[in-house]
Amino acid sequence: MHPRERAFPRRRELAASTGVPENLRYAIVAGEAMLRLSYVCFLGLSLVGGRALADVVAIPLPNLAGTYPATRIASIHLTQRPSVIRSATFVVHGTTVVGEVDCFDGPSPWPMSLTAYLEDNTTGDHWYAPGSMPDVSGPFEWETELRTRPTYPPATWALLMDGDADIKLSGSTAFTVCAPTALMPTAQVDEAILYLDADFVVPTRSGTWGVLKAFYR
């Protein structure tokens, strides 16, 4: 008996039972084994050191809730450090009471002004998100992508790359050259959220090799 036949005693039986020629059956089995091995190697390489995962992360900022005019600061703590940050969007909602001013031709609405700031003087990064407040009293909600101040060199996201930063929400009465009346504008912020569009490195998890072994069986 040929040595290869002794190494694969089931090969002749499979060929006889399926009607597939012996050499062709051997080639199919060998090809399947190589395919499995190639896929396992691919998985192993892709898991070494982790991989970058694109995601949009919602970061609640409860410390910014409250009554304005005021200035409040909230800390950002990311559970994973980003490798790339593409953009950040600030979303806020609540209720507002619009004030009044007299421009010598009758009363005019006097809205609040709300602006979020993400700044770091050590890195020179300055980002801000000006809100669009309504000129009638009632609920409000707005979202604005953070933009850079005109600085040189241009602002980067270095202030968030270590996963920690402070964001500030400042509320004041909108600028006016008219005479304010007794009614002043106010705002009650119920919720503020920062949405971060970034890539995060996903580390290799324990037990991954068990998945590879299960596949290879």
N, C-alpha and C. Protein backbone atom coordinates (compact mmCIF):
# COMPACT_ATOMS: atom_id res chain seq x y z
N MET A 1 0.86 -1.20 0.00
CA MET A 1 0.00 0.00 0.00
C MET A 1 0.89 1.24 0.00
N HIS A 2 0.46 2.23 -0.76
CA HIS A 2 1.21 3.48 -0.84
C HIS A 2 1.25 4.16 0.52
N PRO A 3 2.39 4.77 0.92
CA PRO A 3 2.46 5.45 2.22
C PRO A 3 1.36 6.49 2.40
N ARG A 4 0.98 7.22 1.35
CA ARG A 4 -0.06 8.24 1.48
C ARG A 4 -1.40 7.61 1.78
N GLU A 5 -1.62 6.37 1.28
CA GLU A 5 -2.87 5.68 1.56
C GLU A 5 -2.91 5.23 3.01
N ARG A 6 -1.73 4.84 3.56
CA ARG A 6 -1.71 4.48 4.99
C ARG A 6 -1.98 5.70 5.86
N ALA A 7 -1.51 6.88 5.44
CA ALA A 7 -1.72 8.11 6.22
C ALA A 7 -3.17 8.56 6.17
N PHE A 8 -3.89 8.24 5.09
CA PHE A 8 -5.29 8.65 4.93
C PHE A 8 -6.13 7.41 4.64
N PRO A 9 -6.39 6.57 5.66
CA PRO A 9 -7.13 5.33 5.42
C PRO A 9 -8.56 5.57 4.98
N ARG A 10 -9.13 6.75 5.31
CA ARG A 10 -10.53 7.01 4.97
C ARG A 10 -10.67 7.54 3.56
N ARG A 11 -9.55 7.84 2.91
CA ARG A 11 -9.64 8.50 1.61
C ARG A 11 -10.27 7.59 0.56
N ARG A 12 -9.86 6.32 0.55
CA ARG A 12 -10.38 5.39 -0.44
C ARG A 12 -11.87 5.12 -0.19
N GLU A 13 -12.25 5.02 1.13
CA GLU A 13 -13.66 4.78 1.44
C GLU A 13 -14.53 5.96 1.00
N LEU A 14 -14.05 7.20 1.24
CA LEU A 14 -14.82 8.37 0.84
C LEU A 14 -14.96 8.44 -0.67
N ALA A 15 -13.91 8.13 -1.37
CA ALA A 15 -13.97 8.17 -2.83
C ALA A 15 -14.96 7.16 -3.36
N ALA A 16 -14.97 5.98 -2.73
CA ALA A 16 -15.90 4.95 -3.19
C ALA A 16 -17.34 5.30 -2.88
N SER A 17 -17.58 5.89 -1.69
CA SER A 17 -18.97 6.16 -1.28
C SER A 17 -19.56 7.36 -1.99
N THR A 18 -18.75 8.32 -2.37
CA THR A 18 -19.27 9.54 -3.00
C THR A 18 -19.18 9.51 -4.51
N GLY A 19 -18.41 8.60 -5.05
CA GLY A 19 -18.25 8.55 -6.50
C GLY A 19 -17.26 9.56 -7.04
N VAL A 20 -16.60 10.31 -6.13
CA VAL A 20 -15.61 11.29 -6.55
C VAL A 20 -14.27 10.59 -6.70
N PRO A 21 -13.56 10.82 -7.80
CA PRO A 21 -12.25 10.18 -7.96
C PRO A 21 -11.34 10.46 -6.78
N GLU A 22 -10.50 9.46 -6.50
CA GLU A 22 -9.68 9.52 -5.29
C GLU A 22 -8.77 10.74 -5.25
N ASN A 23 -8.09 11.00 -6.37
CA ASN A 23 -7.16 12.14 -6.39
C ASN A 23 -7.88 13.47 -6.25
N LEU A 24 -9.07 13.57 -6.86
CA LEU A 24 -9.84 14.80 -6.76
C LEU A 24 -10.34 15.01 -5.34
N ARG A 25 -10.77 13.94 -4.69
CA ARG A 25 -11.25 14.04 -3.31
C ARG A 25 -10.12 14.50 -2.38
N TYR A 26 -8.93 13.97 -2.62
CA TYR A 26 -7.79 14.37 -1.81
C TYR A 26 -7.48 15.85 -1.99
N ALA A 27 -7.58 16.32 -3.23
CA ALA A 27 -7.31 17.73 -3.50
C ALA A 27 -8.33 18.64 -2.82
N ILE A 28 -9.60 18.21 -2.78
CA ILE A 28 -10.65 19.01 -2.14
C ILE A 28 -10.40 19.11 -0.64
N VAL A 29 -10.09 17.95 -0.02
CA VAL A 29 -9.84 17.95 1.43
C VAL A 29 -8.64 18.83 1.76
N ALA A 30 -7.57 18.72 0.97
CA ALA A 30 -6.38 19.54 1.22
C ALA A 30 -6.69 21.03 1.04
N GLY A 31 -7.50 21.36 0.05
CA GLY A 31 -7.86 22.75 -0.17
C GLY A 31 -8.67 23.33 0.98
N GLU A 32 -9.60 22.53 1.51
CA GLU A 32 -10.39 23.00 2.66
C GLU A 32 -9.50 23.25 3.86
N ALA A 33 -8.52 22.37 4.08
CA ALA A 33 -7.61 22.55 5.21
C ALA A 33 -6.79 23.82 5.06
N MET A 34 -6.31 24.11 3.85
CA MET A 34 -5.53 25.32 3.62
C MET A 34 -6.38 26.57 3.81
N LEU A 35 -7.65 26.50 3.39
CA LEU A 35 -8.54 27.64 3.55
C LEU A 35 -8.77 27.93 5.02
N ARG A 36 -8.98 26.88 5.82
CA ARG A 36 -9.19 27.07 7.26
C ARG A 36 -7.94 27.69 7.89
N LEU A 37 -6.77 27.16 7.52
CA LEU A 37 -5.54 27.68 8.09
C LEU A 37 -5.31 29.14 7.72
N SER A 38 -5.60 29.50 6.47
CA SER A 38 -5.44 30.89 6.04
C SER A 38 -6.35 31.83 6.80
N TYR A 39 -7.59 31.40 7.03
CA TYR A 39 -8.54 32.25 7.75
C TYR A 39 -8.12 32.43 9.20
N VAL A 40 -7.61 31.35 9.83
CA VAL A 40 -7.15 31.45 11.21
C VAL A 40 -5.97 32.41 11.30
N CYS A 41 -5.04 32.33 10.36
CA CYS A 41 -3.90 33.25 10.36
C CYS A 41 -4.36 34.70 10.19
N PHE A 42 -5.35 34.91 9.33
CA PHE A 42 -5.88 36.27 9.12
C PHE A 42 -6.50 36.81 10.40
N LEU A 43 -7.28 35.97 11.09
CA LEU A 43 -7.89 36.41 12.34
C LEU A 43 -6.84 36.72 13.38
N GLY A 44 -5.84 35.87 13.45
CA GLY A 44 -4.79 36.10 14.44
C GLY A 44 -4.07 37.40 14.22
N LEU A 45 -3.73 37.70 12.96
CA LEU A 45 -3.03 38.95 12.66
C LEU A 45 -3.90 40.16 12.93
N SER A 46 -5.19 40.06 12.65
CA SER A 46 -6.08 41.21 12.83
C SER A 46 -6.34 41.50 14.30
N LEU A 47 -6.12 40.50 15.18
CA LEU A 47 -6.41 40.70 16.59
C LEU A 47 -5.19 41.11 17.38
N VAL A 48 -3.99 40.99 16.81
CA VAL A 48 -2.79 41.34 17.54
C VAL A 48 -2.74 42.86 17.71
N GLY A 49 -2.68 43.31 18.95
CA GLY A 49 -2.57 44.73 19.23
C GLY A 49 -3.86 45.50 19.10
N GLY A 50 -4.97 44.85 18.81
CA GLY A 50 -6.24 45.53 18.71
C GLY A 50 -6.48 46.08 17.32
N ARG A 51 -7.65 46.68 17.13
CA ARG A 51 -8.00 47.25 15.84
C ARG A 51 -8.79 48.53 16.07
N ALA A 52 -8.78 49.43 15.09
CA ALA A 52 -9.49 50.70 15.20
C ALA A 52 -10.94 50.52 14.81
N LEU A 53 -11.83 51.03 15.64
CA LEU A 53 -13.26 50.91 15.40
C LEU A 53 -13.87 52.31 15.32
N ALA A 54 -14.47 52.65 14.18
CA ALA A 54 -15.12 53.95 14.02
C ALA A 54 -16.44 53.94 14.76
N ASP A 55 -16.71 55.02 15.48
CA ASP A 55 -17.95 55.07 16.26
C ASP A 55 -18.30 56.53 16.55
N VAL A 56 -19.57 56.76 16.82
CA VAL A 56 -20.04 58.05 17.32
C VAL A 56 -20.50 57.83 18.76
N VAL A 57 -19.79 58.44 19.70
CA VAL A 57 -20.01 58.22 21.12
C VAL A 57 -20.79 59.40 21.69
N ALA A 58 -21.86 59.09 22.42
CA ALA A 58 -22.65 60.12 23.11
C ALA A 58 -22.12 60.27 24.53
N ILE A 59 -21.74 61.49 24.89
CA ILE A 59 -21.17 61.78 26.21
C ILE A 59 -22.14 62.70 26.96
N PRO A 60 -22.94 62.17 27.89
CA PRO A 60 -23.85 63.03 28.67
C PRO A 60 -23.05 64.00 29.55
N LEU A 61 -23.57 65.21 29.69
CA LEU A 61 -22.91 66.24 30.49
C LEU A 61 -23.90 66.80 31.52
N PRO A 62 -24.24 66.02 32.54
CA PRO A 62 -25.27 66.45 33.50
C PRO A 62 -24.88 67.69 34.30
N ASN A 63 -23.57 67.94 34.46
CA ASN A 63 -23.15 69.10 35.23
C ASN A 63 -23.44 70.43 34.53
N LEU A 64 -23.82 70.37 33.26
CA LEU A 64 -24.16 71.61 32.54
C LEU A 64 -25.64 71.97 32.68
N ALA A 65 -26.43 71.08 33.25
CA ALA A 65 -27.86 71.36 33.45
C ALA A 65 -28.03 72.40 34.55
N GLY A 66 -29.05 73.24 34.38
CA GLY A 66 -29.32 74.26 35.38
C GLY A 66 -29.87 75.52 34.76
N THR A 67 -29.96 76.57 35.58
CA THR A 67 -30.54 77.85 35.14
C THR A 67 -29.44 78.78 34.65
N TYR A 68 -29.71 79.46 33.57
CA TYR A 68 -28.80 80.44 32.98
C TYR A 68 -29.53 81.78 32.87
N PRO A 69 -28.80 82.95 33.00
CA PRO A 69 -27.39 83.19 32.81
C PRO A 69 -26.50 82.54 33.89
N ALA A 70 -25.43 81.92 33.44
CA ALA A 70 -24.44 81.28 34.31
C ALA A 70 -23.36 80.71 33.42
N THR A 71 -22.31 80.21 34.06
CA THR A 71 -21.26 79.47 33.38
C THR A 71 -21.01 78.19 34.16
N ARG A 72 -21.11 77.05 33.48
CA ARG A 72 -20.91 75.76 34.14
C ARG A 72 -19.87 74.95 33.36
N ILE A 73 -19.16 74.11 34.10
CA ILE A 73 -18.10 73.30 33.52
C ILE A 73 -18.36 71.83 33.83
N ALA A 74 -18.17 70.98 32.84
CA ALA A 74 -18.33 69.53 33.01
C ALA A 74 -17.06 68.84 32.52
N SER A 75 -16.70 67.76 33.18
CA SER A 75 -15.52 66.99 32.80
C SER A 75 -15.90 65.86 31.85
N ILE A 76 -15.05 65.64 30.86
CA ILE A 76 -15.21 64.55 29.90
C ILE A 76 -14.20 63.47 30.24
N HIS A 77 -14.68 62.23 30.42
CA HIS A 77 -13.80 61.10 30.69
C HIS A 77 -14.16 59.98 29.73
N LEU A 78 -13.33 59.74 28.74
CA LEU A 78 -13.58 58.67 27.79
C LEU A 78 -13.00 57.36 28.33
N THR A 79 -13.77 56.28 28.22
CA THR A 79 -13.32 54.99 28.72
C THR A 79 -12.20 54.42 27.86
N GLN A 80 -12.13 54.84 26.59
CA GLN A 80 -11.06 54.42 25.70
C GLN A 80 -10.50 55.65 24.99
N ARG A 81 -9.21 55.68 24.85
CA ARG A 81 -8.59 56.81 24.17
C ARG A 81 -8.81 56.73 22.66
N PRO A 82 -9.17 57.83 22.04
CA PRO A 82 -9.36 57.81 20.58
C PRO A 82 -8.02 57.82 19.85
N SER A 83 -7.99 57.23 18.67
CA SER A 83 -6.81 57.31 17.82
C SER A 83 -6.97 58.41 16.77
N VAL A 84 -8.22 58.67 16.39
CA VAL A 84 -8.53 59.74 15.43
C VAL A 84 -9.85 60.37 15.86
N ILE A 85 -9.94 61.69 15.82
CA ILE A 85 -11.19 62.41 16.07
C ILE A 85 -11.53 63.21 14.83
N ARG A 86 -12.72 62.96 14.29
CA ARG A 86 -13.15 63.65 13.07
C ARG A 86 -13.96 64.91 13.38
N SER A 87 -14.87 64.83 14.36
CA SER A 87 -15.71 65.99 14.67
C SER A 87 -16.37 65.77 16.03
N ALA A 88 -16.93 66.85 16.55
CA ALA A 88 -17.69 66.79 17.80
C ALA A 88 -18.90 67.72 17.65
N THR A 89 -20.05 67.25 18.12
CA THR A 89 -21.29 68.02 18.02
C THR A 89 -21.90 68.18 19.39
N PHE A 90 -22.30 69.40 19.72
CA PHE A 90 -22.89 69.71 21.01
C PHE A 90 -24.40 69.85 20.84
N VAL A 91 -25.16 69.13 21.69
CA VAL A 91 -26.62 69.16 21.64
C VAL A 91 -27.14 69.55 23.01
N VAL A 92 -28.10 70.46 23.05
CA VAL A 92 -28.67 70.92 24.32
C VAL A 92 -30.15 71.17 24.13
N HIS A 93 -30.94 70.89 25.18
CA HIS A 93 -32.37 71.23 25.13
C HIS A 93 -32.84 71.61 26.52
N GLY A 94 -33.93 72.39 26.54
CA GLY A 94 -34.50 72.87 27.80
C GLY A 94 -35.64 73.82 27.49
N THR A 95 -35.84 74.80 28.36
CA THR A 95 -36.89 75.81 28.17
C THR A 95 -36.27 77.20 28.38
N THR A 96 -36.86 78.19 27.76
CA THR A 96 -36.34 79.54 27.89
C THR A 96 -37.48 80.54 28.07
N VAL A 97 -37.17 81.61 28.77
CA VAL A 97 -38.07 82.76 28.89
C VAL A 97 -37.39 83.92 28.18
N VAL A 98 -38.03 84.44 27.16
CA VAL A 98 -37.46 85.52 26.37
C VAL A 98 -37.79 86.85 27.04
N GLY A 99 -36.78 87.71 27.16
CA GLY A 99 -36.98 89.02 27.76
C GLY A 99 -37.47 90.04 26.74
N GLU A 100 -37.50 91.28 27.17
CA GLU A 100 -37.96 92.36 26.30
C GLU A 100 -37.00 93.53 26.38
N VAL A 101 -36.86 94.21 25.24
CA VAL A 101 -36.12 95.46 25.19
C VAL A 101 -36.98 96.50 24.47
N ASP A 102 -36.70 97.74 24.77
CA ASP A 102 -37.43 98.84 24.13
C ASP A 102 -36.48 99.58 23.20
N CYS A 103 -36.77 99.49 21.92
CA CYS A 103 -35.93 100.17 20.93
C CYS A 103 -36.60 101.47 20.46
N PHE A 104 -37.40 102.06 21.33
CA PHE A 104 -38.07 103.34 21.10
C PHE A 104 -39.19 103.25 20.06
N ASP A 105 -39.52 102.02 19.67
CA ASP A 105 -40.67 101.84 18.79
C ASP A 105 -41.54 100.68 19.29
N GLY A 106 -41.47 100.44 20.60
CA GLY A 106 -42.24 99.37 21.20
C GLY A 106 -41.34 98.23 21.65
N PRO A 107 -41.88 97.27 22.40
CA PRO A 107 -41.08 96.16 22.92
C PRO A 107 -40.62 95.22 21.82
N SER A 108 -39.44 94.68 21.99
CA SER A 108 -38.86 93.68 21.08
C SER A 108 -38.34 92.50 21.89
N PRO A 109 -38.35 91.30 21.32
CA PRO A 109 -37.86 90.13 22.07
C PRO A 109 -36.36 90.24 22.36
N TRP A 110 -35.98 89.71 23.51
CA TRP A 110 -34.59 89.72 23.96
C TRP A 110 -34.21 88.31 24.39
N PRO A 111 -33.62 87.51 23.49
CA PRO A 111 -33.37 86.10 23.80
C PRO A 111 -32.09 85.90 24.61
N MET A 112 -31.93 84.66 25.07
CA MET A 112 -30.71 84.24 25.73
C MET A 112 -29.64 83.93 24.69
N SER A 113 -28.40 83.85 25.16
CA SER A 113 -27.28 83.41 24.33
C SER A 113 -26.57 82.28 25.06
N LEU A 114 -26.46 81.12 24.39
CA LEU A 114 -25.77 79.96 24.97
C LEU A 114 -24.66 79.51 24.02
N THR A 115 -23.47 79.30 24.56
CA THR A 115 -22.33 78.86 23.75
C THR A 115 -21.51 77.87 24.55
N ALA A 116 -21.13 76.77 23.90
CA ALA A 116 -20.27 75.76 24.53
C ALA A 116 -18.83 75.99 24.08
N TYR A 117 -17.89 75.78 25.02
CA TYR A 117 -16.47 75.97 24.74
C TYR A 117 -15.68 74.73 25.16
N LEU A 118 -14.82 74.28 24.26
CA LEU A 118 -13.90 73.18 24.56
C LEU A 118 -12.51 73.73 24.26
N GLU A 119 -11.77 74.07 25.31
CA GLU A 119 -10.53 74.81 25.13
C GLU A 119 -9.43 74.23 26.03
N ASP A 120 -8.21 74.43 25.60
CA ASP A 120 -7.04 74.02 26.38
C ASP A 120 -5.90 74.97 26.05
N ASN A 121 -5.56 75.83 27.00
CA ASN A 121 -4.52 76.82 26.75
C ASN A 121 -3.14 76.18 26.62
N THR A 122 -2.94 75.00 27.22
CA THR A 122 -1.63 74.36 27.15
C THR A 122 -1.34 73.84 25.74
N THR A 123 -2.37 73.37 25.05
CA THR A 123 -2.19 72.88 23.68
C THR A 123 -2.52 73.95 22.65
N GLY A 124 -3.18 75.04 23.07
CA GLY A 124 -3.58 76.07 22.13
C GLY A 124 -4.80 75.71 21.30
N ASP A 125 -5.53 74.71 21.75
CA ASP A 125 -6.73 74.28 21.02
C ASP A 125 -7.95 75.01 21.57
N HIS A 126 -8.71 75.62 20.68
CA HIS A 126 -9.91 76.36 21.06
C HIS A 126 -11.05 75.99 20.12
N TRP A 127 -12.07 75.35 20.68
CA TRP A 127 -13.26 74.96 19.92
C TRP A 127 -14.49 75.55 20.60
N TYR A 128 -15.50 75.89 19.80
CA TYR A 128 -16.71 76.44 20.40
C TYR A 128 -17.92 76.07 19.54
N ALA A 129 -19.08 76.08 20.18
CA ALA A 129 -20.34 75.75 19.50
C ALA A 129 -21.39 76.78 19.92
N PRO A 130 -21.64 77.79 19.08
CA PRO A 130 -22.66 78.79 19.40
C PRO A 130 -24.06 78.25 19.15
N GLY A 131 -24.96 78.47 20.09
CA GLY A 131 -26.33 77.98 19.95
C GLY A 131 -27.24 78.99 19.30
N SER A 132 -28.31 78.48 18.71
CA SER A 132 -29.34 79.33 18.10
C SER A 132 -30.57 79.27 19.00
N MET A 133 -30.77 80.33 19.79
CA MET A 133 -31.87 80.36 20.75
C MET A 133 -33.10 81.04 20.14
N PRO A 134 -34.29 80.56 20.50
CA PRO A 134 -35.52 81.13 19.94
C PRO A 134 -35.81 82.52 20.50
N ASP A 135 -36.61 83.29 19.77
CA ASP A 135 -37.01 84.61 20.26
C ASP A 135 -38.42 84.61 20.81
N VAL A 136 -38.94 83.40 21.13
CA VAL A 136 -40.23 83.26 21.83
C VAL A 136 -40.01 82.31 23.00
N SER A 137 -40.75 82.53 24.07
CA SER A 137 -40.60 81.70 25.26
C SER A 137 -41.14 80.29 25.00
N GLY A 138 -40.51 79.30 25.61
CA GLY A 138 -40.96 77.93 25.46
C GLY A 138 -39.79 76.97 25.38
N PRO A 139 -40.04 75.72 24.97
CA PRO A 139 -38.95 74.73 24.86
C PRO A 139 -38.01 75.06 23.70
N PHE A 140 -36.78 74.63 23.85
CA PHE A 140 -35.80 74.82 22.77
C PHE A 140 -34.89 73.60 22.70
N GLU A 141 -34.30 73.42 21.55
CA GLU A 141 -33.29 72.39 21.34
C GLU A 141 -32.45 72.79 20.13
N TRP A 142 -31.14 72.68 20.27
CA TRP A 142 -30.28 72.95 19.14
C TRP A 142 -29.05 72.07 19.20
N GLU A 143 -28.47 71.86 18.02
CA GLU A 143 -27.21 71.12 17.93
C GLU A 143 -26.28 71.85 16.98
N THR A 144 -25.02 71.92 17.38
CA THR A 144 -24.04 72.65 16.59
C THR A 144 -22.72 71.89 16.63
N GLU A 145 -22.12 71.72 15.46
CA GLU A 145 -20.80 71.10 15.41
C GLU A 145 -19.75 72.08 15.91
N LEU A 146 -18.85 71.60 16.76
CA LEU A 146 -17.82 72.48 17.28
C LEU A 146 -16.92 72.96 16.15
N ARG A 147 -16.63 74.24 16.19
CA ARG A 147 -15.77 74.85 15.18
C ARG A 147 -14.58 75.50 15.87
N THR A 148 -13.57 75.83 15.09
CA THR A 148 -12.34 76.37 15.68
C THR A 148 -12.35 77.88 15.65
N ARG A 149 -11.66 78.43 16.62
CA ARG A 149 -11.41 79.86 16.57
C ARG A 149 -10.26 80.13 15.59
N PRO A 150 -10.20 81.32 15.03
CA PRO A 150 -9.12 81.63 14.08
C PRO A 150 -7.78 81.77 14.81
N THR A 151 -7.07 80.66 14.94
CA THR A 151 -5.78 80.68 15.64
C THR A 151 -4.69 80.17 14.70
N TYR A 152 -3.46 80.46 15.06
CA TYR A 152 -2.33 79.92 14.31
C TYR A 152 -1.32 79.37 15.31
N PRO A 153 -0.93 78.11 15.20
CA PRO A 153 -1.40 77.14 14.20
C PRO A 153 -2.86 76.74 14.43
N PRO A 154 -3.50 76.16 13.41
CA PRO A 154 -4.92 75.78 13.56
C PRO A 154 -5.12 74.82 14.71
N ALA A 155 -6.30 74.87 15.29
CA ALA A 155 -6.62 74.01 16.43
C ALA A 155 -6.67 72.55 15.99
N THR A 156 -6.27 71.67 16.91
CA THR A 156 -6.35 70.23 16.69
C THR A 156 -7.19 69.64 17.82
N TRP A 157 -7.34 68.29 17.78
CA TRP A 157 -8.07 67.59 18.84
C TRP A 157 -7.12 67.02 19.89
N ALA A 158 -5.91 67.58 20.00
CA ALA A 158 -4.93 67.06 20.95
C ALA A 158 -5.45 67.11 22.38
N LEU A 159 -6.31 68.07 22.70
CA LEU A 159 -6.81 68.20 24.06
C LEU A 159 -7.71 67.04 24.48
N LEU A 160 -8.19 66.24 23.52
CA LEU A 160 -9.05 65.10 23.85
C LEU A 160 -8.39 63.75 23.59
N MET A 161 -7.18 63.73 23.07
CA MET A 161 -6.57 62.47 22.69
C MET A 161 -6.19 61.60 23.89
N ASP A 162 -6.05 62.22 25.07
CA ASP A 162 -5.77 61.41 26.25
C ASP A 162 -7.04 60.95 26.96
N GLY A 163 -8.21 61.32 26.40
CA GLY A 163 -9.48 60.86 26.94
C GLY A 163 -10.10 61.76 27.99
N ASP A 164 -9.43 62.85 28.38
CA ASP A 164 -9.95 63.73 29.43
C ASP A 164 -9.89 65.18 28.98
N ALA A 165 -10.96 65.92 29.29
CA ALA A 165 -11.01 67.35 28.97
C ALA A 165 -12.17 67.97 29.73
N ASP A 166 -12.21 69.28 29.74
CA ASP A 166 -13.32 70.03 30.35
C ASP A 166 -14.05 70.80 29.27
N ILE A 167 -15.38 70.80 29.36
CA ILE A 167 -16.20 71.57 28.43
C ILE A 167 -17.04 72.56 29.24
N LYS A 168 -17.20 73.74 28.70
CA LYS A 168 -17.87 74.83 29.41
C LYS A 168 -19.09 75.28 28.63
N LEU A 169 -20.18 75.53 29.34
CA LEU A 169 -21.38 76.12 28.73
C LEU A 169 -21.62 77.47 29.39
N SER A 170 -21.61 78.50 28.57
CA SER A 170 -21.78 79.86 29.08
C SER A 170 -23.08 80.44 28.53
N GLY A 171 -23.89 80.96 29.43
CA GLY A 171 -25.16 81.57 29.05
C GLY A 171 -25.25 83.00 29.54
N SER A 172 -25.65 83.89 28.64
CA SER A 172 -25.78 85.30 29.01
C SER A 172 -26.90 85.91 28.17
N THR A 173 -27.26 87.12 28.50
CA THR A 173 -28.27 87.80 27.70
C THR A 173 -27.66 88.21 26.37
N ALA A 174 -28.42 88.08 25.30
CA ALA A 174 -27.92 88.44 23.98
C ALA A 174 -27.60 89.93 23.93
N PHE A 175 -26.57 90.27 23.17
CA PHE A 175 -26.16 91.67 23.07
C PHE A 175 -27.28 92.49 22.42
N THR A 176 -27.50 93.67 22.97
CA THR A 176 -28.50 94.57 22.42
C THR A 176 -28.09 96.01 22.69
N VAL A 177 -28.46 96.92 21.78
CA VAL A 177 -28.21 98.35 21.97
C VAL A 177 -29.47 99.05 22.44
N CYS A 178 -30.55 98.26 22.61
CA CYS A 178 -31.81 98.83 23.06
C CYS A 178 -31.89 98.85 24.58
N ALA A 179 -32.89 99.48 25.10
CA ALA A 179 -33.05 99.61 26.55
C ALA A 179 -33.81 98.41 27.10
N PRO A 180 -33.19 97.63 28.01
CA PRO A 180 -33.89 96.49 28.60
C PRO A 180 -35.07 96.96 29.44
N THR A 181 -36.14 96.16 29.43
CA THR A 181 -37.27 96.41 30.31
C THR A 181 -37.08 95.57 31.57
N ALA A 182 -38.12 95.44 32.36
CA ALA A 182 -38.01 94.69 33.62
C ALA A 182 -37.89 93.19 33.38
N LEU A 183 -38.29 92.69 32.21
CA LEU A 183 -38.27 91.25 31.95
C LEU A 183 -36.92 90.86 31.34
N MET A 184 -36.14 90.03 32.07
CA MET A 184 -34.83 89.57 31.62
C MET A 184 -34.94 88.16 31.05
N PRO A 185 -34.15 87.83 30.03
CA PRO A 185 -34.20 86.48 29.48
C PRO A 185 -33.49 85.47 30.38
N THR A 186 -34.02 84.27 30.43
CA THR A 186 -33.41 83.18 31.20
C THR A 186 -33.56 81.89 30.39
N ALA A 187 -32.81 80.86 30.79
CA ALA A 187 -32.92 79.55 30.17
C ALA A 187 -32.70 78.48 31.23
N GLN A 188 -33.44 77.40 31.10
CA GLN A 188 -33.27 76.24 31.95
C GLN A 188 -32.78 75.09 31.06
N VAL A 189 -31.54 74.72 31.23
CA VAL A 189 -30.97 73.61 30.45
C VAL A 189 -31.29 72.31 31.16
N ASP A 190 -32.01 71.44 30.47
CA ASP A 190 -32.37 70.14 31.04
C ASP A 190 -31.36 69.06 30.73
N GLU A 191 -30.75 69.11 29.55
CA GLU A 191 -29.80 68.07 29.15
C GLU A 191 -28.82 68.63 28.13
N ALA A 192 -27.57 68.23 28.27
CA ALA A 192 -26.53 68.58 27.30
C ALA A 192 -25.72 67.33 26.99
N ILE A 193 -25.45 67.10 25.71
CA ILE A 193 -24.73 65.90 25.27
C ILE A 193 -23.69 66.31 24.22
N LEU A 194 -22.52 65.71 24.32
CA LEU A 194 -21.48 65.89 23.30
C LEU A 194 -21.37 64.59 22.51
N TYR A 195 -21.52 64.68 21.18
CA TYR A 195 -21.39 63.52 20.31
C TYR A 195 -20.01 63.59 19.64
N LEU A 196 -19.21 62.56 19.87
CA LEU A 196 -17.84 62.52 19.36
C LEU A 196 -17.74 61.48 18.25
N ASP A 197 -17.37 61.92 17.06
CA ASP A 197 -17.16 61.03 15.91
C ASP A 197 -15.67 60.72 15.84
N ALA A 198 -15.29 59.48 16.20
CA ALA A 198 -13.88 59.17 16.34
C ALA A 198 -13.62 57.69 16.08
N ASP A 199 -12.33 57.35 16.00
CA ASP A 199 -11.88 55.97 15.95
C ASP A 199 -11.30 55.61 17.30
N PHE A 200 -11.70 54.44 17.81
CA PHE A 200 -11.20 53.97 19.09
C PHE A 200 -10.50 52.63 18.89
N VAL A 201 -9.38 52.44 19.55
CA VAL A 201 -8.66 51.19 19.45
C VAL A 201 -9.32 50.17 20.36
N VAL A 202 -9.76 49.06 19.76
CA VAL A 202 -10.40 47.99 20.51
C VAL A 202 -9.32 46.98 20.87
N PRO A 203 -9.02 46.77 22.16
CA PRO A 203 -7.96 45.82 22.53
C PRO A 203 -8.39 44.38 22.30
N THR A 204 -7.41 43.51 22.16
CA THR A 204 -7.69 42.09 22.04
C THR A 204 -8.26 41.57 23.35
N ARG A 205 -9.39 40.90 23.29
CA ARG A 205 -10.04 40.42 24.49
C ARG A 205 -9.55 39.03 24.85
N SER A 206 -9.56 38.71 26.16
CA SER A 206 -9.21 37.37 26.59
C SER A 206 -10.28 36.41 26.10
N GLY A 207 -9.85 35.20 25.74
CA GLY A 207 -10.80 34.21 25.24
C GLY A 207 -10.90 34.21 23.74
N THR A 208 -10.20 35.16 23.06
CA THR A 208 -10.29 35.20 21.61
C THR A 208 -9.72 33.92 20.99
N TRP A 209 -8.64 33.38 21.60
CA TRP A 209 -8.04 32.17 21.06
C TRP A 209 -9.01 31.00 21.10
N GLY A 210 -9.94 31.06 22.07
CA GLY A 210 -10.96 30.02 22.12
C GLY A 210 -11.85 30.04 20.90
N VAL A 211 -12.11 31.24 20.38
CA VAL A 211 -12.91 31.35 19.16
C VAL A 211 -12.15 30.75 17.99
N LEU A 212 -10.84 31.04 17.92
CA LEU A 212 -10.03 30.47 16.85
C LEU A 212 -9.99 28.94 16.92
N LYS A 213 -9.84 28.41 18.13
CA LYS A 213 -9.80 26.96 18.28
C LYS A 213 -11.12 26.32 17.89
N ALA A 214 -12.22 26.99 18.26
CA ALA A 214 -13.54 26.45 17.91
C ALA A 214 -13.73 26.42 16.40
N PHE A 215 -13.20 27.44 15.72
CA PHE A 215 -13.33 27.46 14.26
C PHE A 215 -12.46 26.38 13.62
N TYR A 216 -11.28 26.17 14.18
CA TYR A 216 -10.33 25.27 13.55
C TYR A 216 -10.71 23.80 13.72
N ARG A 217 -11.56 23.49 14.70
CA ARG A 217 -11.95 22.10 14.90
C ARG A 217 -12.74 21.57 13.71
